[in-house]
Amino acid sequence: MLTNEVREYLKKPLIARLSVIDPDGYPHSVPLWFDLDGDDIIIISDRKTKKIAYIAANPHASLTLGGDSVEGVGYSFKGRCTNEEDPDYRWLKQMAYRYEENPQADKDIELWRTTLDMIVIRFRIEKVMKVA
């Protein structure tokens, strides 16, 4: 599903904006870190955030990267999310090292692992649109 051009773009540690639907039918949009797993986008989150409950009730979502004056070209994705466990903290570690330098990444991994109830959001891409 993803072209080489999109895959290369997704290698950049940009801030993504995930939009899910709240119980009243309105978008709930949040900035977050992401990484790629095959054709899926992976996001980490504290289980207690609103987006986790919203995804459980309605998996439809969109995710946008770039398309602003800094990045120029960007991409918008439509798809469905599922919430998954991260028992060995694989994604927590991978995401922290992707976005932060050591020793800050090590400190945040330990803090989040011991004080938050971390979970993985798997965004299954159904449609890709280029935005400028």
C-alpha atoms as a PDB file:
ATOM      1  CA  MET A   1       0.000   0.000   0.000  1.00  0.00           C
ATOM      2  CA  LEU A   2       2.789   2.481   0.841  1.00  0.00           C
ATOM      3  CA  THR A   3       4.994   3.771  -1.961  1.00  0.00           C
ATOM      4  CA  ASN A   4       8.744   4.146  -1.483  1.00  0.00           C
ATOM      5  CA  GLU A   5       8.222   7.936  -1.392  1.00  0.00           C
ATOM      6  CA  VAL A   6       5.757   7.649   1.511  1.00  0.00           C
ATOM      7  CA  ARG A   7       7.965   5.148   3.363  1.00  0.00           C
ATOM      8  CA  GLU A   8      10.946   7.508   3.106  1.00  0.00           C
ATOM      9  CA  TYR A   9       8.820  10.366   4.431  1.00  0.00           C
ATOM     10  CA  LEU A  10       7.627   8.244   7.372  1.00  0.00           C
ATOM     11  CA  LYS A  11      11.242   7.582   8.383  1.00  0.00           C
ATOM     12  CA  LYS A  12      11.483  11.216   9.546  1.00  0.00           C
ATOM     13  CA  PRO A  13      10.805  11.688  13.278  1.00  0.00           C
ATOM     14  CA  LEU A  14       8.014  14.198  12.694  1.00  0.00           C
ATOM     15  CA  ILE A  15       5.107  14.940  14.987  1.00  0.00           C
ATOM     16  CA  ALA A  16       1.925  13.353  13.660  1.00  0.00           C
ATOM     17  CA  ARG A  17      -1.593  14.558  14.369  1.00  0.00           C
ATOM     18  CA  LEU A  18      -4.054  11.751  15.081  1.00  0.00           C
ATOM     19  CA  SER A  19      -7.773  12.461  14.905  1.00  0.00           C
ATOM     20  CA  VAL A  20     -10.300  10.048  16.374  1.00  0.00           C
ATOM     21  CA  ILE A  21     -14.023  10.514  16.990  1.00  0.00           C
ATOM     22  CA  ASP A  22     -15.365  11.444  20.431  1.00  0.00           C
ATOM     23  CA  PRO A  23     -18.741  10.188  21.772  1.00  0.00           C
ATOM     24  CA  ASP A  24     -20.495  13.314  20.437  1.00  0.00           C
ATOM     25  CA  GLY A  25     -19.208  12.695  16.900  1.00  0.00           C
ATOM     26  CA  TYR A  26     -16.546  15.422  16.928  1.00  0.00           C
ATOM     27  CA  PRO A  27     -12.876  14.966  16.001  1.00  0.00           C
ATOM     28  CA  HIS A  28     -10.458  14.628  18.902  1.00  0.00           C
ATOM     29  CA  SER A  29      -7.023  15.540  17.496  1.00  0.00           C
ATOM     30  CA  VAL A  30      -3.707  15.125  19.300  1.00  0.00           C
ATOM     31  CA  PRO A  31      -0.023  15.516  18.366  1.00  0.00           C
ATOM     32  CA  LEU A  32       2.113  12.446  18.956  1.00  0.00           C
ATOM     33  CA  TRP A  33       5.134  10.347  18.119  1.00  0.00           C
ATOM     34  CA  PHE A  34       4.888   7.480  15.645  1.00  0.00           C
ATOM     35  CA  ASP A  35       6.865   4.772  13.898  1.00  0.00           C
ATOM     36  CA  LEU A  36       6.216   2.336  11.073  1.00  0.00           C
ATOM     37  CA  ASP A  37       5.610  -1.415  11.371  1.00  0.00           C
ATOM     38  CA  GLY A  38       5.206  -2.860   7.887  1.00  0.00           C
ATOM     39  CA  ASP A  39       2.264  -0.929   6.426  1.00  0.00           C
ATOM     40  CA  ASP A  40       0.914   0.093   9.865  1.00  0.00           C
ATOM     41  CA  ILE A  41       1.699   3.229  11.839  1.00  0.00           C
ATOM     42  CA  ILE A  42       2.481   2.586  15.509  1.00  0.00           C
ATOM     43  CA  ILE A  43       1.774   5.108  18.272  1.00  0.00           C
ATOM     44  CA  ILE A  44       2.415   4.828  22.012  1.00  0.00           C
ATOM     45  CA  SER A  45       0.110   6.290  24.617  1.00  0.00           C
ATOM     46  CA  ASP A  46      -0.886   6.184  28.244  1.00  0.00           C
ATOM     47  CA  ARG A  47      -3.924   3.901  28.500  1.00  0.00           C
ATOM     48  CA  LYS A  48      -5.762   6.555  30.541  1.00  0.00           C
ATOM     49  CA  THR A  49      -5.964   9.109  27.705  1.00  0.00           C
ATOM     50  CA  LYS A  50      -9.280   9.890  26.039  1.00  0.00           C
ATOM     51  CA  LYS A  51      -8.109   8.728  22.621  1.00  0.00           C
ATOM     52  CA  ILE A  52      -7.750   5.146  23.865  1.00  0.00           C
ATOM     53  CA  ALA A  53     -11.402   5.003  24.965  1.00  0.00           C
ATOM     54  CA  TYR A  54     -12.534   6.742  21.787  1.00  0.00           C
ATOM     55  CA  ILE A  55     -10.669   4.204  19.628  1.00  0.00           C
ATOM     56  CA  ALA A  56     -12.265   1.326  21.536  1.00  0.00           C
ATOM     57  CA  ALA A  57     -15.709   2.778  20.768  1.00  0.00           C
ATOM     58  CA  ASN A  58     -15.014   3.822  17.153  1.00  0.00           C
ATOM     59  CA  PRO A  59     -11.817   2.700  15.367  1.00  0.00           C
ATOM     60  CA  HIS A  60     -12.070   5.143  12.425  1.00  0.00           C
ATOM     61  CA  ALA A  61      -9.254   7.700  12.435  1.00  0.00           C
ATOM     62  CA  SER A  62      -7.102   9.980  10.344  1.00  0.00           C
ATOM     63  CA  LEU A  63      -3.458  10.888  10.767  1.00  0.00           C
ATOM     64  CA  THR A  64      -1.663  13.858   9.202  1.00  0.00           C
ATOM     65  CA  LEU A  65       2.040  14.640   8.838  1.00  0.00           C
ATOM     66  CA  GLY A  66       3.631  17.764   7.401  1.00  0.00           C
ATOM     67  CA  GLY A  67       1.803  19.846   4.827  1.00  0.00           C
ATOM     68  CA  ASP A  68       2.765  23.025   6.671  1.00  0.00           C
ATOM     69  CA  SER A  69       5.187  25.866   5.948  1.00  0.00           C
ATOM     70  CA  VAL A  70       8.074  23.981   7.586  1.00  0.00           C
ATOM     71  CA  GLU A  71       7.718  20.556   5.976  1.00  0.00           C
ATOM     72  CA  GLY A  72       5.936  21.661   2.813  1.00  0.00           C
ATOM     73  CA  VAL A  73       4.618  18.437   1.362  1.00  0.00           C
ATOM     74  CA  GLY A  74       2.896  16.084   3.752  1.00  0.00           C
ATOM     75  CA  TYR A  75       0.552  13.135   3.893  1.00  0.00           C
ATOM     76  CA  SER A  76      -2.874  12.434   5.270  1.00  0.00           C
ATOM     77  CA  PHE A  77      -3.881   8.880   6.092  1.00  0.00           C
ATOM     78  CA  LYS A  78      -7.307   7.390   6.732  1.00  0.00           C
ATOM     79  CA  GLY A  79      -7.688   4.082   8.499  1.00  0.00           C
ATOM     80  CA  ARG A  80      -8.672   2.179  11.592  1.00  0.00           C
ATOM     81  CA  CYS A  81      -6.984   1.946  14.961  1.00  0.00           C
ATOM     82  CA  THR A  82      -6.703  -0.868  17.445  1.00  0.00           C
ATOM     83  CA  ASN A  83      -5.288  -0.746  20.951  1.00  0.00           C
ATOM     84  CA  GLU A  84      -2.618  -3.366  21.729  1.00  0.00           C
ATOM     85  CA  GLU A  85      -0.420  -4.288  24.651  1.00  0.00           C
ATOM     86  CA  ASP A  86       3.334  -3.663  24.625  1.00  0.00           C
ATOM     87  CA  PRO A  87       4.403  -6.185  27.301  1.00  0.00           C
ATOM     88  CA  ASP A  88       8.168  -5.956  26.714  1.00  0.00           C
ATOM     89  CA  TYR A  89       8.061  -2.166  26.084  1.00  0.00           C
ATOM     90  CA  ARG A  90       9.473  -2.739  22.597  1.00  0.00           C
ATOM     91  CA  TRP A  91       7.558   0.158  21.052  1.00  0.00           C
ATOM     92  CA  LEU A  92       8.059   2.466  24.027  1.00  0.00           C
ATOM     93  CA  LYS A  93      11.819   1.995  23.731  1.00  0.00           C
ATOM     94  CA  GLN A  94      11.882   2.235  19.937  1.00  0.00           C
ATOM     95  CA  MET A  95       9.834   5.437  19.977  1.00  0.00           C
ATOM     96  CA  ALA A  96      11.900   7.118  22.718  1.00  0.00           C
ATOM     97  CA  TYR A  97      15.175   6.404  20.912  1.00  0.00           C
ATOM     98  CA  ARG A  98      13.649   7.586  17.618  1.00  0.00           C
ATOM     99  CA  TYR A  99      12.700  10.996  19.027  1.00  0.00           C
ATOM    100  CA  GLU A 100      15.177  11.651  21.837  1.00  0.00           C
ATOM    101  CA  GLU A 101      18.908  11.507  22.429  1.00  0.00           C
ATOM    102  CA  ASN A 102      20.449   9.448  25.210  1.00  0.00           C
ATOM    103  CA  PRO A 103      20.417   9.829  28.193  1.00  0.00           C
ATOM    104  CA  GLN A 104      17.023  11.604  27.954  1.00  0.00           C
ATOM    105  CA  ALA A 105      15.473   8.625  26.146  1.00  0.00           C
ATOM    106  CA  ASP A 106      16.660   6.259  28.898  1.00  0.00           C
ATOM    107  CA  LYS A 107      15.214   8.543  31.586  1.00  0.00           C
ATOM    108  CA  ASP A 108      11.853   8.841  29.838  1.00  0.00           C
ATOM    109  CA  ILE A 109      11.611   5.099  29.172  1.00  0.00           C
ATOM    110  CA  GLU A 110      12.120   4.381  32.872  1.00  0.00           C
ATOM    111  CA  LEU A 111       9.703   7.116  33.946  1.00  0.00           C
ATOM    112  CA  TRP A 112       6.923   6.112  31.550  1.00  0.00           C
ATOM    113  CA  ARG A 113       7.449   2.393  32.158  1.00  0.00           C
ATOM    114  CA  THR A 114       7.106   2.794  35.925  1.00  0.00           C
ATOM    115  CA  THR A 115       4.526   5.600  36.262  1.00  0.00           C
ATOM    116  CA  LEU A 116       2.198   5.211  33.254  1.00  0.00           C
ATOM    117  CA  ASP A 117       0.123   2.369  31.867  1.00  0.00           C
ATOM    118  CA  MET A 118       1.521   2.396  28.335  1.00  0.00           C
ATOM    119  CA  ILE A 119      -0.324   0.904  25.383  1.00  0.00           C
ATOM    120  CA  VAL A 120       0.218   0.749  21.622  1.00  0.00           C
ATOM    121  CA  ILE A 121      -2.164   2.164  19.046  1.00  0.00           C
ATOM    122  CA  ARG A 122      -1.884   0.369  15.703  1.00  0.00           C
ATOM    123  CA  PHE A 123      -3.143   2.524  12.832  1.00  0.00           C
ATOM    124  CA  ARG A 124      -3.992   0.355   9.823  1.00  0.00           C
ATOM    125  CA  ILE A 125      -3.765   2.543   6.742  1.00  0.00           C
ATOM    126  CA  GLU A 126      -6.663   2.304   4.289  1.00  0.00           C
ATOM    127  CA  LYS A 127      -6.024   5.436   2.210  1.00  0.00           C
ATOM    128  CA  VAL A 128      -3.045   7.764   1.612  1.00  0.00           C
ATOM    129  CA  MET A 129      -3.379  11.326   0.296  1.00  0.00           C
ATOM    130  CA  LYS A 130      -0.576  13.768  -0.451  1.00  0.00           C
ATOM    131  CA  VAL A 131      -1.111  17.259   1.005  1.00  0.00           C
ATOM    132  CA  ALA A 132       0.738  20.506   0.407  1.00  0.00           C
END
